[in-house]
N, C-alpha and C. Protein backbone atom coordinates (compact mmCIF):
# COMPACT_ATOMS: atom_id res chain seq x y z
N MET A 1 -4.73 -64.91 -84.50
CA MET A 1 -5.80 -65.42 -83.71
C MET A 1 -6.56 -64.26 -83.12
N SER A 2 -7.83 -64.27 -83.32
CA SER A 2 -8.65 -63.18 -82.80
C SER A 2 -9.13 -63.53 -81.40
N SER A 3 -9.23 -62.50 -80.60
CA SER A 3 -9.70 -62.75 -79.22
C SER A 3 -11.21 -62.55 -79.18
N THR A 4 -11.84 -63.46 -78.55
CA THR A 4 -13.29 -63.33 -78.37
C THR A 4 -13.58 -63.17 -76.88
N SER A 5 -14.64 -62.50 -76.61
CA SER A 5 -15.00 -62.30 -75.19
C SER A 5 -15.67 -63.56 -74.67
N SER A 6 -15.37 -63.87 -73.45
CA SER A 6 -15.98 -65.05 -72.85
C SER A 6 -17.42 -64.74 -72.45
N PRO A 7 -18.26 -65.77 -72.36
CA PRO A 7 -19.65 -65.53 -72.04
C PRO A 7 -19.86 -64.93 -70.64
N SER A 8 -18.86 -65.04 -69.76
CA SER A 8 -19.05 -64.52 -68.41
C SER A 8 -18.81 -63.02 -68.33
N GLU A 9 -18.18 -62.43 -69.34
CA GLU A 9 -17.92 -61.00 -69.32
C GLU A 9 -19.13 -60.26 -69.85
N PRO A 10 -19.48 -59.13 -69.22
CA PRO A 10 -20.65 -58.37 -69.70
C PRO A 10 -20.34 -57.66 -71.00
N ASP A 11 -21.37 -57.47 -71.79
CA ASP A 11 -21.22 -56.71 -73.03
C ASP A 11 -21.31 -55.23 -72.67
N GLY A 12 -20.35 -54.48 -73.02
CA GLY A 12 -20.38 -53.05 -72.74
C GLY A 12 -19.50 -52.69 -71.56
N PRO A 13 -19.45 -51.39 -71.27
CA PRO A 13 -18.56 -50.92 -70.21
C PRO A 13 -19.09 -51.30 -68.82
N ARG A 14 -18.16 -51.45 -67.90
CA ARG A 14 -18.53 -51.76 -66.52
C ARG A 14 -19.03 -50.49 -65.85
N PRO A 15 -19.97 -50.61 -64.91
CA PRO A 15 -20.45 -49.41 -64.21
C PRO A 15 -19.39 -48.90 -63.24
N SER A 16 -19.46 -47.61 -62.99
CA SER A 16 -18.52 -47.04 -62.03
C SER A 16 -18.92 -47.46 -60.63
N ALA A 17 -18.06 -47.18 -59.67
CA ALA A 17 -18.35 -47.55 -58.27
C ALA A 17 -19.58 -46.80 -57.76
N ASP A 18 -19.74 -45.55 -58.17
CA ASP A 18 -20.91 -44.77 -57.74
C ASP A 18 -22.20 -45.34 -58.32
N GLU A 19 -22.15 -45.72 -59.60
CA GLU A 19 -23.34 -46.31 -60.22
C GLU A 19 -23.70 -47.64 -59.57
N ALA A 20 -22.70 -48.45 -59.26
CA ALA A 20 -22.96 -49.74 -58.61
C ALA A 20 -23.53 -49.53 -57.21
N ALA A 21 -22.99 -48.57 -56.47
CA ALA A 21 -23.51 -48.29 -55.13
C ALA A 21 -24.94 -47.79 -55.21
N ARG A 22 -25.24 -46.94 -56.18
CA ARG A 22 -26.60 -46.42 -56.36
C ARG A 22 -27.56 -47.56 -56.73
N ALA A 23 -27.11 -48.46 -57.58
CA ALA A 23 -27.95 -49.61 -57.95
C ALA A 23 -28.24 -50.50 -56.76
N LEU A 24 -27.22 -50.75 -55.93
CA LEU A 24 -27.44 -51.56 -54.73
C LEU A 24 -28.37 -50.86 -53.73
N ARG A 25 -28.24 -49.55 -53.58
CA ARG A 25 -29.16 -48.80 -52.71
C ARG A 25 -30.59 -48.89 -53.23
N ASP A 26 -30.75 -48.81 -54.56
CA ASP A 26 -32.08 -48.92 -55.15
C ASP A 26 -32.68 -50.31 -54.90
N ILE A 27 -31.85 -51.33 -55.02
CA ILE A 27 -32.32 -52.69 -54.75
C ILE A 27 -32.77 -52.81 -53.31
N ASP A 28 -31.97 -52.28 -52.37
CA ASP A 28 -32.35 -52.33 -50.96
C ASP A 28 -33.62 -51.53 -50.69
N ARG A 29 -33.76 -50.37 -51.35
CA ARG A 29 -34.97 -49.55 -51.17
C ARG A 29 -36.20 -50.28 -51.69
N HIS A 30 -36.08 -50.93 -52.83
CA HIS A 30 -37.21 -51.69 -53.39
C HIS A 30 -37.55 -52.90 -52.52
N ARG A 31 -36.52 -53.55 -51.98
CA ARG A 31 -36.76 -54.68 -51.08
C ARG A 31 -37.49 -54.21 -49.83
N GLU A 32 -37.08 -53.06 -49.29
CA GLU A 32 -37.74 -52.51 -48.10
C GLU A 32 -39.20 -52.14 -48.41
N GLN A 33 -39.45 -51.59 -49.59
CA GLN A 33 -40.84 -51.29 -49.99
C GLN A 33 -41.66 -52.56 -50.09
N ALA A 34 -41.07 -53.60 -50.63
CA ALA A 34 -41.79 -54.88 -50.74
C ALA A 34 -42.09 -55.45 -49.36
N HIS A 35 -41.14 -55.34 -48.44
CA HIS A 35 -41.37 -55.85 -47.08
C HIS A 35 -42.45 -55.06 -46.38
N SER A 36 -42.49 -53.74 -46.58
CA SER A 36 -43.53 -52.95 -45.93
C SER A 36 -44.89 -53.22 -46.56
N SER A 37 -44.92 -53.65 -47.82
CA SER A 37 -46.19 -54.01 -48.46
C SER A 37 -46.70 -55.37 -48.02
N ALA A 38 -45.87 -56.13 -47.33
CA ALA A 38 -46.28 -57.46 -46.88
C ALA A 38 -47.10 -57.41 -45.60
N ALA A 39 -47.31 -56.22 -45.03
CA ALA A 39 -48.13 -56.07 -43.82
C ALA A 39 -49.56 -55.71 -44.23
N ASN A 40 -50.51 -56.10 -43.39
CA ASN A 40 -51.91 -55.81 -43.64
C ASN A 40 -52.20 -54.31 -43.56
N SER A 41 -53.33 -53.91 -44.10
CA SER A 41 -53.77 -52.53 -43.98
C SER A 41 -54.17 -52.25 -42.54
N ARG A 42 -54.25 -50.99 -42.22
CA ARG A 42 -54.61 -50.57 -40.86
C ARG A 42 -56.01 -51.02 -40.50
N TRP A 43 -56.94 -50.96 -41.46
CA TRP A 43 -58.33 -51.30 -41.15
C TRP A 43 -58.48 -52.76 -40.73
N VAL A 44 -57.59 -53.63 -41.21
CA VAL A 44 -57.67 -55.05 -40.83
C VAL A 44 -57.38 -55.20 -39.34
N SER A 45 -56.38 -54.51 -38.84
CA SER A 45 -56.07 -54.58 -37.41
C SER A 45 -57.21 -54.02 -36.58
N VAL A 46 -57.82 -52.94 -37.03
CA VAL A 46 -58.92 -52.33 -36.29
C VAL A 46 -60.13 -53.27 -36.26
N VAL A 47 -60.48 -53.84 -37.40
CA VAL A 47 -61.63 -54.76 -37.46
C VAL A 47 -61.38 -56.00 -36.61
N PHE A 48 -60.18 -56.57 -36.72
CA PHE A 48 -59.87 -57.76 -35.92
C PHE A 48 -59.85 -57.42 -34.43
N GLY A 49 -59.38 -56.23 -34.06
CA GLY A 49 -59.40 -55.82 -32.66
C GLY A 49 -60.82 -55.69 -32.13
N VAL A 50 -61.70 -55.09 -32.91
CA VAL A 50 -63.09 -54.94 -32.48
C VAL A 50 -63.77 -56.30 -32.38
N VAL A 51 -63.55 -57.16 -33.37
CA VAL A 51 -64.17 -58.50 -33.36
C VAL A 51 -63.62 -59.32 -32.19
N PHE A 52 -62.31 -59.23 -31.94
CA PHE A 52 -61.72 -59.95 -30.81
C PHE A 52 -62.36 -59.49 -29.50
N GLY A 53 -62.46 -58.19 -29.30
CA GLY A 53 -63.06 -57.66 -28.08
C GLY A 53 -64.51 -58.08 -27.93
N ALA A 54 -65.28 -58.02 -29.02
CA ALA A 54 -66.70 -58.38 -28.95
C ALA A 54 -66.88 -59.87 -28.66
N LEU A 55 -66.11 -60.72 -29.33
CA LEU A 55 -66.25 -62.16 -29.10
C LEU A 55 -65.78 -62.56 -27.69
N PHE A 56 -64.75 -61.90 -27.19
CA PHE A 56 -64.26 -62.24 -25.86
C PHE A 56 -65.26 -61.78 -24.79
N ALA A 57 -65.96 -60.67 -25.03
CA ALA A 57 -66.92 -60.15 -24.06
C ALA A 57 -68.30 -60.78 -24.19
N ALA A 58 -68.57 -61.51 -25.24
CA ALA A 58 -69.91 -62.06 -25.49
C ALA A 58 -70.46 -62.88 -24.32
N PRO A 59 -69.70 -63.76 -23.67
CA PRO A 59 -70.27 -64.53 -22.55
C PRO A 59 -70.71 -63.65 -21.37
N ASP A 60 -70.08 -62.48 -21.18
CA ASP A 60 -70.51 -61.60 -20.10
C ASP A 60 -71.90 -61.03 -20.35
N PHE A 61 -72.26 -60.87 -21.62
CA PHE A 61 -73.54 -60.24 -21.95
C PHE A 61 -74.61 -61.24 -22.38
N PHE A 62 -74.20 -62.37 -22.97
CA PHE A 62 -75.17 -63.32 -23.49
C PHE A 62 -75.20 -64.64 -22.73
N GLY A 63 -74.42 -64.76 -21.68
CA GLY A 63 -74.44 -65.96 -20.87
C GLY A 63 -73.39 -66.97 -21.29
N ALA A 64 -73.36 -68.08 -20.54
CA ALA A 64 -72.34 -69.11 -20.76
C ALA A 64 -72.47 -69.79 -22.12
N GLY A 65 -73.67 -69.82 -22.69
CA GLY A 65 -73.85 -70.44 -24.00
C GLY A 65 -73.10 -69.70 -25.11
N ALA A 66 -72.81 -68.42 -24.88
CA ALA A 66 -72.09 -67.64 -25.89
C ALA A 66 -70.64 -68.06 -26.01
N ALA A 67 -70.10 -68.70 -24.96
CA ALA A 67 -68.70 -69.14 -25.02
C ALA A 67 -68.51 -70.17 -26.13
N ALA A 68 -69.49 -71.04 -26.34
CA ALA A 68 -69.38 -72.08 -27.37
C ALA A 68 -69.39 -71.47 -28.77
N TRP A 69 -70.34 -70.59 -29.04
CA TRP A 69 -70.38 -70.03 -30.40
C TRP A 69 -69.28 -68.99 -30.63
N SER A 70 -68.80 -68.32 -29.57
CA SER A 70 -67.71 -67.37 -29.78
C SER A 70 -66.40 -68.11 -30.08
N SER A 71 -66.21 -69.29 -29.48
CA SER A 71 -65.02 -70.09 -29.81
C SER A 71 -65.06 -70.56 -31.26
N ALA A 72 -66.24 -70.99 -31.70
CA ALA A 72 -66.39 -71.40 -33.10
C ALA A 72 -66.18 -70.20 -34.03
N ALA A 73 -66.63 -69.03 -33.61
CA ALA A 73 -66.45 -67.82 -34.43
C ALA A 73 -64.97 -67.47 -34.56
N TYR A 74 -64.19 -67.65 -33.47
CA TYR A 74 -62.74 -67.43 -33.56
C TYR A 74 -62.12 -68.37 -34.60
N GLY A 75 -62.52 -69.62 -34.58
CA GLY A 75 -61.99 -70.59 -35.54
C GLY A 75 -62.35 -70.22 -36.97
N ILE A 76 -63.59 -69.85 -37.20
CA ILE A 76 -64.03 -69.46 -38.54
C ILE A 76 -63.29 -68.21 -39.00
N LEU A 77 -63.12 -67.25 -38.08
CA LEU A 77 -62.40 -66.03 -38.42
C LEU A 77 -60.95 -66.34 -38.80
N GLY A 78 -60.30 -67.21 -38.04
CA GLY A 78 -58.91 -67.57 -38.33
C GLY A 78 -58.76 -68.29 -39.65
N VAL A 79 -59.64 -69.26 -39.90
CA VAL A 79 -59.58 -70.00 -41.17
C VAL A 79 -59.89 -69.07 -42.35
N GLY A 80 -60.88 -68.20 -42.18
CA GLY A 80 -61.21 -67.25 -43.24
C GLY A 80 -60.07 -66.31 -43.56
N TYR A 81 -59.37 -65.86 -42.53
CA TYR A 81 -58.23 -64.98 -42.72
C TYR A 81 -57.12 -65.67 -43.50
N VAL A 82 -56.82 -66.91 -43.13
CA VAL A 82 -55.77 -67.67 -43.82
C VAL A 82 -56.17 -67.93 -45.28
N VAL A 83 -57.43 -68.26 -45.51
CA VAL A 83 -57.90 -68.49 -46.88
C VAL A 83 -57.76 -67.21 -47.70
N LEU A 84 -58.16 -66.08 -47.12
CA LEU A 84 -58.03 -64.81 -47.85
C LEU A 84 -56.57 -64.49 -48.15
N LEU A 85 -55.68 -64.73 -47.20
CA LEU A 85 -54.26 -64.44 -47.43
C LEU A 85 -53.66 -65.32 -48.52
N ASN A 86 -54.20 -66.50 -48.72
CA ASN A 86 -53.63 -67.42 -49.71
C ASN A 86 -54.25 -67.30 -51.08
N THR A 87 -55.11 -66.32 -51.29
CA THR A 87 -55.63 -66.04 -52.62
C THR A 87 -55.19 -64.64 -53.03
N ARG A 88 -55.01 -64.44 -54.30
CA ARG A 88 -54.54 -63.14 -54.79
C ARG A 88 -55.54 -62.03 -54.49
N LYS A 89 -56.81 -62.27 -54.79
CA LYS A 89 -57.83 -61.24 -54.54
C LYS A 89 -58.04 -61.01 -53.05
N GLY A 90 -57.99 -62.09 -52.26
CA GLY A 90 -58.18 -61.95 -50.82
C GLY A 90 -57.07 -61.17 -50.16
N SER A 91 -55.83 -61.45 -50.53
CA SER A 91 -54.72 -60.72 -49.92
C SER A 91 -54.72 -59.26 -50.36
N THR A 92 -55.15 -58.99 -51.58
CA THR A 92 -55.27 -57.61 -52.02
C THR A 92 -56.38 -56.91 -51.24
N LEU A 93 -57.48 -57.61 -50.98
CA LEU A 93 -58.56 -57.05 -50.18
C LEU A 93 -58.08 -56.70 -48.78
N LEU A 94 -57.23 -57.53 -48.21
CA LEU A 94 -56.69 -57.27 -46.88
C LEU A 94 -55.57 -56.22 -46.90
N GLY A 95 -55.23 -55.71 -48.06
CA GLY A 95 -54.20 -54.69 -48.15
C GLY A 95 -52.80 -55.24 -48.13
N GLN A 96 -52.65 -56.50 -48.48
CA GLN A 96 -51.34 -57.15 -48.49
C GLN A 96 -51.09 -57.70 -49.88
N PRO A 97 -50.75 -56.83 -50.83
CA PRO A 97 -50.63 -57.29 -52.22
C PRO A 97 -49.42 -58.17 -52.50
N VAL A 98 -48.44 -58.16 -51.61
CA VAL A 98 -47.26 -59.01 -51.82
C VAL A 98 -47.07 -59.90 -50.60
N ARG A 99 -46.35 -60.98 -50.79
CA ARG A 99 -46.04 -61.91 -49.71
C ARG A 99 -44.54 -62.11 -49.68
N MET A 100 -44.02 -62.27 -48.48
CA MET A 100 -42.60 -62.53 -48.33
C MET A 100 -42.27 -63.88 -48.96
N ARG A 101 -41.15 -63.94 -49.66
CA ARG A 101 -40.69 -65.23 -50.18
C ARG A 101 -40.20 -66.07 -49.02
N ARG A 102 -40.43 -67.36 -49.11
CA ARG A 102 -40.01 -68.25 -48.03
C ARG A 102 -38.50 -68.21 -47.82
N GLN A 103 -37.75 -67.95 -48.88
CA GLN A 103 -36.29 -67.91 -48.76
C GLN A 103 -35.83 -66.71 -47.94
N GLU A 104 -36.64 -65.66 -47.86
CA GLU A 104 -36.25 -64.45 -47.13
C GLU A 104 -36.49 -64.58 -45.63
N ILE A 105 -37.33 -65.52 -45.22
CA ILE A 105 -37.62 -65.71 -43.80
C ILE A 105 -36.61 -66.70 -43.24
N SER A 106 -35.96 -66.30 -42.16
CA SER A 106 -34.89 -67.15 -41.61
C SER A 106 -35.48 -68.42 -41.02
N GLY A 107 -34.73 -69.49 -41.14
CA GLY A 107 -35.14 -70.77 -40.58
C GLY A 107 -35.22 -70.71 -39.06
N ARG A 108 -34.35 -69.94 -38.45
CA ARG A 108 -34.36 -69.79 -37.00
C ARG A 108 -35.66 -69.14 -36.53
N PHE A 109 -36.11 -68.10 -37.24
CA PHE A 109 -37.37 -67.44 -36.89
C PHE A 109 -38.55 -68.40 -37.05
N ARG A 110 -38.54 -69.15 -38.15
CA ARG A 110 -39.61 -70.14 -38.37
C ARG A 110 -39.66 -71.15 -37.23
N SER A 111 -38.50 -71.63 -36.82
CA SER A 111 -38.44 -72.61 -35.73
C SER A 111 -38.99 -72.02 -34.44
N TYR A 112 -38.55 -70.82 -34.08
CA TYR A 112 -39.05 -70.18 -32.86
C TYR A 112 -40.55 -69.90 -32.94
N ALA A 113 -41.03 -69.46 -34.11
CA ALA A 113 -42.46 -69.17 -34.25
C ALA A 113 -43.29 -70.44 -34.10
N LEU A 114 -42.86 -71.53 -34.73
CA LEU A 114 -43.60 -72.78 -34.61
C LEU A 114 -43.54 -73.33 -33.19
N LEU A 115 -42.39 -73.22 -32.54
CA LEU A 115 -42.26 -73.67 -31.16
C LEU A 115 -43.16 -72.85 -30.23
N THR A 116 -43.20 -71.55 -30.42
CA THR A 116 -44.07 -70.69 -29.61
C THR A 116 -45.53 -71.05 -29.82
N LEU A 117 -45.93 -71.25 -31.06
CA LEU A 117 -47.31 -71.63 -31.35
C LEU A 117 -47.66 -72.96 -30.71
N LEU A 118 -46.75 -73.92 -30.78
CA LEU A 118 -46.98 -75.23 -30.16
C LEU A 118 -47.11 -75.12 -28.64
N VAL A 119 -46.26 -74.33 -28.01
CA VAL A 119 -46.33 -74.16 -26.55
C VAL A 119 -47.64 -73.50 -26.14
N VAL A 120 -48.07 -72.49 -26.88
CA VAL A 120 -49.33 -71.81 -26.55
C VAL A 120 -50.52 -72.76 -26.72
N LEU A 121 -50.53 -73.53 -27.80
CA LEU A 121 -51.62 -74.48 -28.00
C LEU A 121 -51.64 -75.56 -26.93
N LEU A 122 -50.48 -76.12 -26.60
CA LEU A 122 -50.42 -77.14 -25.55
C LEU A 122 -50.81 -76.58 -24.18
N ALA A 123 -50.39 -75.36 -23.89
CA ALA A 123 -50.78 -74.74 -22.62
C ALA A 123 -52.29 -74.52 -22.57
N GLY A 124 -52.88 -74.11 -23.67
CA GLY A 124 -54.33 -73.94 -23.71
C GLY A 124 -55.07 -75.24 -23.48
N PHE A 125 -54.61 -76.31 -24.13
CA PHE A 125 -55.24 -77.62 -23.92
C PHE A 125 -55.04 -78.11 -22.49
N ALA A 126 -53.84 -77.91 -21.95
CA ALA A 126 -53.56 -78.37 -20.59
C ALA A 126 -54.41 -77.62 -19.57
N ILE A 127 -54.53 -76.33 -19.72
CA ILE A 127 -55.36 -75.55 -18.79
C ILE A 127 -56.81 -75.99 -18.89
N GLN A 128 -57.28 -76.22 -20.09
CA GLN A 128 -58.67 -76.64 -20.27
C GLN A 128 -58.92 -78.02 -19.67
N LEU A 129 -57.99 -78.93 -19.81
CA LEU A 129 -58.18 -80.28 -19.29
C LEU A 129 -57.95 -80.38 -17.78
N LEU A 130 -56.98 -79.65 -17.27
CA LEU A 130 -56.58 -79.80 -15.88
C LEU A 130 -57.21 -78.79 -14.93
N GLN A 131 -57.94 -77.85 -15.46
CA GLN A 131 -58.47 -76.81 -14.59
C GLN A 131 -59.54 -77.34 -13.64
N PRO A 132 -59.51 -76.87 -12.43
CA PRO A 132 -60.66 -77.16 -11.57
C PRO A 132 -61.79 -76.24 -12.02
N HIS A 133 -62.89 -76.34 -11.45
CA HIS A 133 -64.01 -75.48 -11.86
C HIS A 133 -63.78 -74.09 -11.29
N TRP A 134 -63.04 -73.33 -12.07
CA TRP A 134 -62.69 -71.99 -11.63
C TRP A 134 -63.89 -71.08 -11.78
N THR A 135 -64.05 -70.23 -10.85
CA THR A 135 -65.05 -69.17 -10.96
C THR A 135 -64.38 -67.90 -10.48
N LEU A 136 -64.29 -66.97 -11.36
CA LEU A 136 -63.74 -65.67 -10.98
C LEU A 136 -64.91 -64.80 -10.56
N ASP A 137 -64.81 -64.25 -9.39
CA ASP A 137 -65.89 -63.43 -8.88
C ASP A 137 -65.77 -61.98 -9.33
N VAL A 138 -64.96 -61.74 -10.35
CA VAL A 138 -64.81 -60.40 -10.88
C VAL A 138 -65.84 -60.23 -12.00
N PRO A 139 -66.78 -59.30 -11.81
CA PRO A 139 -67.78 -59.13 -12.85
C PRO A 139 -67.17 -58.52 -14.13
N TYR A 140 -67.61 -59.02 -15.24
CA TYR A 140 -67.21 -58.51 -16.56
C TYR A 140 -65.70 -58.57 -16.79
N TRP A 141 -65.03 -59.59 -16.26
CA TRP A 141 -63.60 -59.70 -16.47
C TRP A 141 -63.29 -60.01 -17.93
N ARG A 142 -64.17 -60.76 -18.58
CA ARG A 142 -63.94 -61.06 -20.00
C ARG A 142 -64.06 -59.79 -20.84
N THR A 143 -64.96 -58.92 -20.47
CA THR A 143 -65.12 -57.66 -21.19
C THR A 143 -63.86 -56.81 -21.05
N ALA A 144 -63.33 -56.74 -19.84
CA ALA A 144 -62.11 -55.95 -19.62
C ALA A 144 -60.94 -56.52 -20.44
N VAL A 145 -60.78 -57.84 -20.42
CA VAL A 145 -59.70 -58.46 -21.19
C VAL A 145 -59.92 -58.25 -22.69
N GLY A 146 -61.17 -58.36 -23.13
CA GLY A 146 -61.48 -58.15 -24.55
C GLY A 146 -61.20 -56.72 -25.00
N VAL A 147 -61.55 -55.75 -24.14
CA VAL A 147 -61.31 -54.35 -24.50
C VAL A 147 -59.81 -54.06 -24.56
N VAL A 148 -59.06 -54.56 -23.57
CA VAL A 148 -57.61 -54.32 -23.57
C VAL A 148 -56.94 -55.04 -24.74
N GLY A 149 -57.26 -56.32 -24.93
CA GLY A 149 -56.65 -57.08 -26.03
C GLY A 149 -57.06 -56.56 -27.39
N GLY A 150 -58.35 -56.31 -27.57
CA GLY A 150 -58.82 -55.79 -28.86
C GLY A 150 -58.30 -54.40 -29.14
N GLY A 151 -58.24 -53.56 -28.09
CA GLY A 151 -57.69 -52.21 -28.28
C GLY A 151 -56.22 -52.25 -28.65
N ALA A 152 -55.46 -53.12 -27.99
CA ALA A 152 -54.04 -53.26 -28.32
C ALA A 152 -53.86 -53.74 -29.75
N LEU A 153 -54.68 -54.71 -30.17
CA LEU A 153 -54.59 -55.20 -31.54
C LEU A 153 -54.96 -54.10 -32.54
N ALA A 154 -56.01 -53.34 -32.23
CA ALA A 154 -56.42 -52.26 -33.14
C ALA A 154 -55.37 -51.16 -33.23
N LEU A 155 -54.77 -50.81 -32.10
CA LEU A 155 -53.80 -49.71 -32.10
C LEU A 155 -52.42 -50.13 -32.61
N PHE A 156 -51.97 -51.32 -32.20
CA PHE A 156 -50.59 -51.70 -32.48
C PHE A 156 -50.44 -52.88 -33.44
N GLY A 157 -51.52 -53.42 -33.95
CA GLY A 157 -51.46 -54.62 -34.78
C GLY A 157 -50.56 -54.48 -36.00
N GLN A 158 -50.70 -53.38 -36.70
CA GLN A 158 -49.91 -53.19 -37.91
C GLN A 158 -48.42 -53.02 -37.58
N SER A 159 -48.11 -52.26 -36.52
CA SER A 159 -46.70 -52.08 -36.16
C SER A 159 -46.11 -53.38 -35.61
N TRP A 160 -46.91 -54.19 -34.89
CA TRP A 160 -46.43 -55.50 -34.43
C TRP A 160 -46.12 -56.40 -35.62
N GLN A 161 -46.98 -56.37 -36.62
CA GLN A 161 -46.76 -57.21 -37.79
C GLN A 161 -45.50 -56.78 -38.53
N ARG A 162 -45.29 -55.49 -38.68
CA ARG A 162 -44.08 -55.01 -39.34
C ARG A 162 -42.83 -55.36 -38.54
N ALA A 163 -42.93 -55.27 -37.21
CA ALA A 163 -41.78 -55.63 -36.37
C ALA A 163 -41.45 -57.11 -36.51
N LEU A 164 -42.47 -57.96 -36.53
CA LEU A 164 -42.22 -59.40 -36.73
C LEU A 164 -41.64 -59.67 -38.10
N LEU A 165 -42.10 -58.96 -39.11
CA LEU A 165 -41.55 -59.16 -40.46
C LEU A 165 -40.09 -58.75 -40.51
N SER A 166 -39.74 -57.66 -39.83
CA SER A 166 -38.34 -57.23 -39.86
C SER A 166 -37.44 -58.22 -39.12
N VAL A 167 -37.95 -58.86 -38.07
CA VAL A 167 -37.18 -59.88 -37.36
C VAL A 167 -37.09 -61.15 -38.20
N ALA A 168 -38.16 -61.46 -38.91
CA ALA A 168 -38.22 -62.69 -39.69
C ALA A 168 -37.27 -62.68 -40.88
N VAL A 169 -36.98 -61.50 -41.40
CA VAL A 169 -36.12 -61.42 -42.58
C VAL A 169 -34.69 -61.70 -42.15
N HIS A 170 -34.27 -62.91 -42.39
CA HIS A 170 -32.91 -63.37 -42.12
C HIS A 170 -32.44 -62.99 -40.73
N GLY A 171 -33.25 -63.30 -39.75
CA GLY A 171 -32.84 -63.14 -38.37
C GLY A 171 -32.76 -61.72 -37.89
N GLY A 172 -33.50 -60.82 -38.49
CA GLY A 172 -33.54 -59.45 -37.99
C GLY A 172 -32.60 -58.51 -38.70
N ARG A 173 -31.97 -58.95 -39.75
CA ARG A 173 -31.10 -58.05 -40.50
C ARG A 173 -31.95 -56.93 -41.06
N ARG A 174 -31.56 -55.73 -40.77
CA ARG A 174 -32.32 -54.59 -41.24
C ARG A 174 -32.21 -54.49 -42.75
N THR A 175 -33.32 -54.19 -43.40
CA THR A 175 -33.26 -53.97 -44.84
C THR A 175 -32.62 -52.60 -45.05
N GLY A 176 -32.04 -52.40 -46.18
CA GLY A 176 -31.38 -51.15 -46.48
C GLY A 176 -29.89 -51.20 -46.18
N ALA A 177 -29.42 -52.20 -45.54
CA ALA A 177 -28.01 -52.31 -45.23
C ALA A 177 -27.32 -53.02 -46.39
N SER A 178 -26.31 -52.40 -46.93
CA SER A 178 -25.63 -53.04 -48.05
C SER A 178 -24.17 -53.23 -47.72
N ALA A 179 -23.52 -54.04 -48.51
CA ALA A 179 -22.12 -54.33 -48.28
C ALA A 179 -21.26 -53.09 -48.51
N LEU A 180 -21.74 -52.14 -49.32
CA LEU A 180 -20.95 -50.97 -49.61
C LEU A 180 -20.90 -50.00 -48.43
N ASP A 181 -21.99 -49.91 -47.63
CA ASP A 181 -21.91 -49.00 -46.49
C ASP A 181 -21.18 -49.65 -45.32
N GLY A 182 -20.94 -50.95 -45.38
CA GLY A 182 -20.24 -51.63 -44.31
C GLY A 182 -21.08 -51.84 -43.07
N THR A 183 -22.40 -51.76 -43.20
CA THR A 183 -23.26 -51.88 -42.01
C THR A 183 -23.67 -53.31 -41.73
N ARG A 184 -23.30 -54.25 -42.57
CA ARG A 184 -23.67 -55.65 -42.32
C ARG A 184 -22.79 -56.28 -41.29
């Protein structure tokens, strides 16, 4: 009776422990490169920061009527950004040629992100509905908030996005950690 190899056994010699460790390190390195490619280019953060600052400061310079069109501009900007991210050419234009697979993002992070978004939206609606007629006697307060917020987005937007991506990947597990180094 002749022995045949089972379909589960690989054809050829098994790799040594060093070769297997090197292959796993390469996989982790490629995964880390893919995760870093999932963040926008620097210019996107700068442009969004400048636009955020300009739209937030618009009512200080153009009057109360500018608040209506600047709110609509925020909506158009947000929808346009999402549309660009969901097309191949648009995401490449934004400097984000790859997207994280849904399986790589932890369910816990998704839950917290959606809950945070819901709380912020509900708080915004509640403040708008329940507010008395507030008048801040601080001149150009919207300009100051726009400059600080837009500047922070321009300076730190890309690093914030990378930090969120690293937390989103299976609950913050650092990429590059493999079972062979024992760092998991």
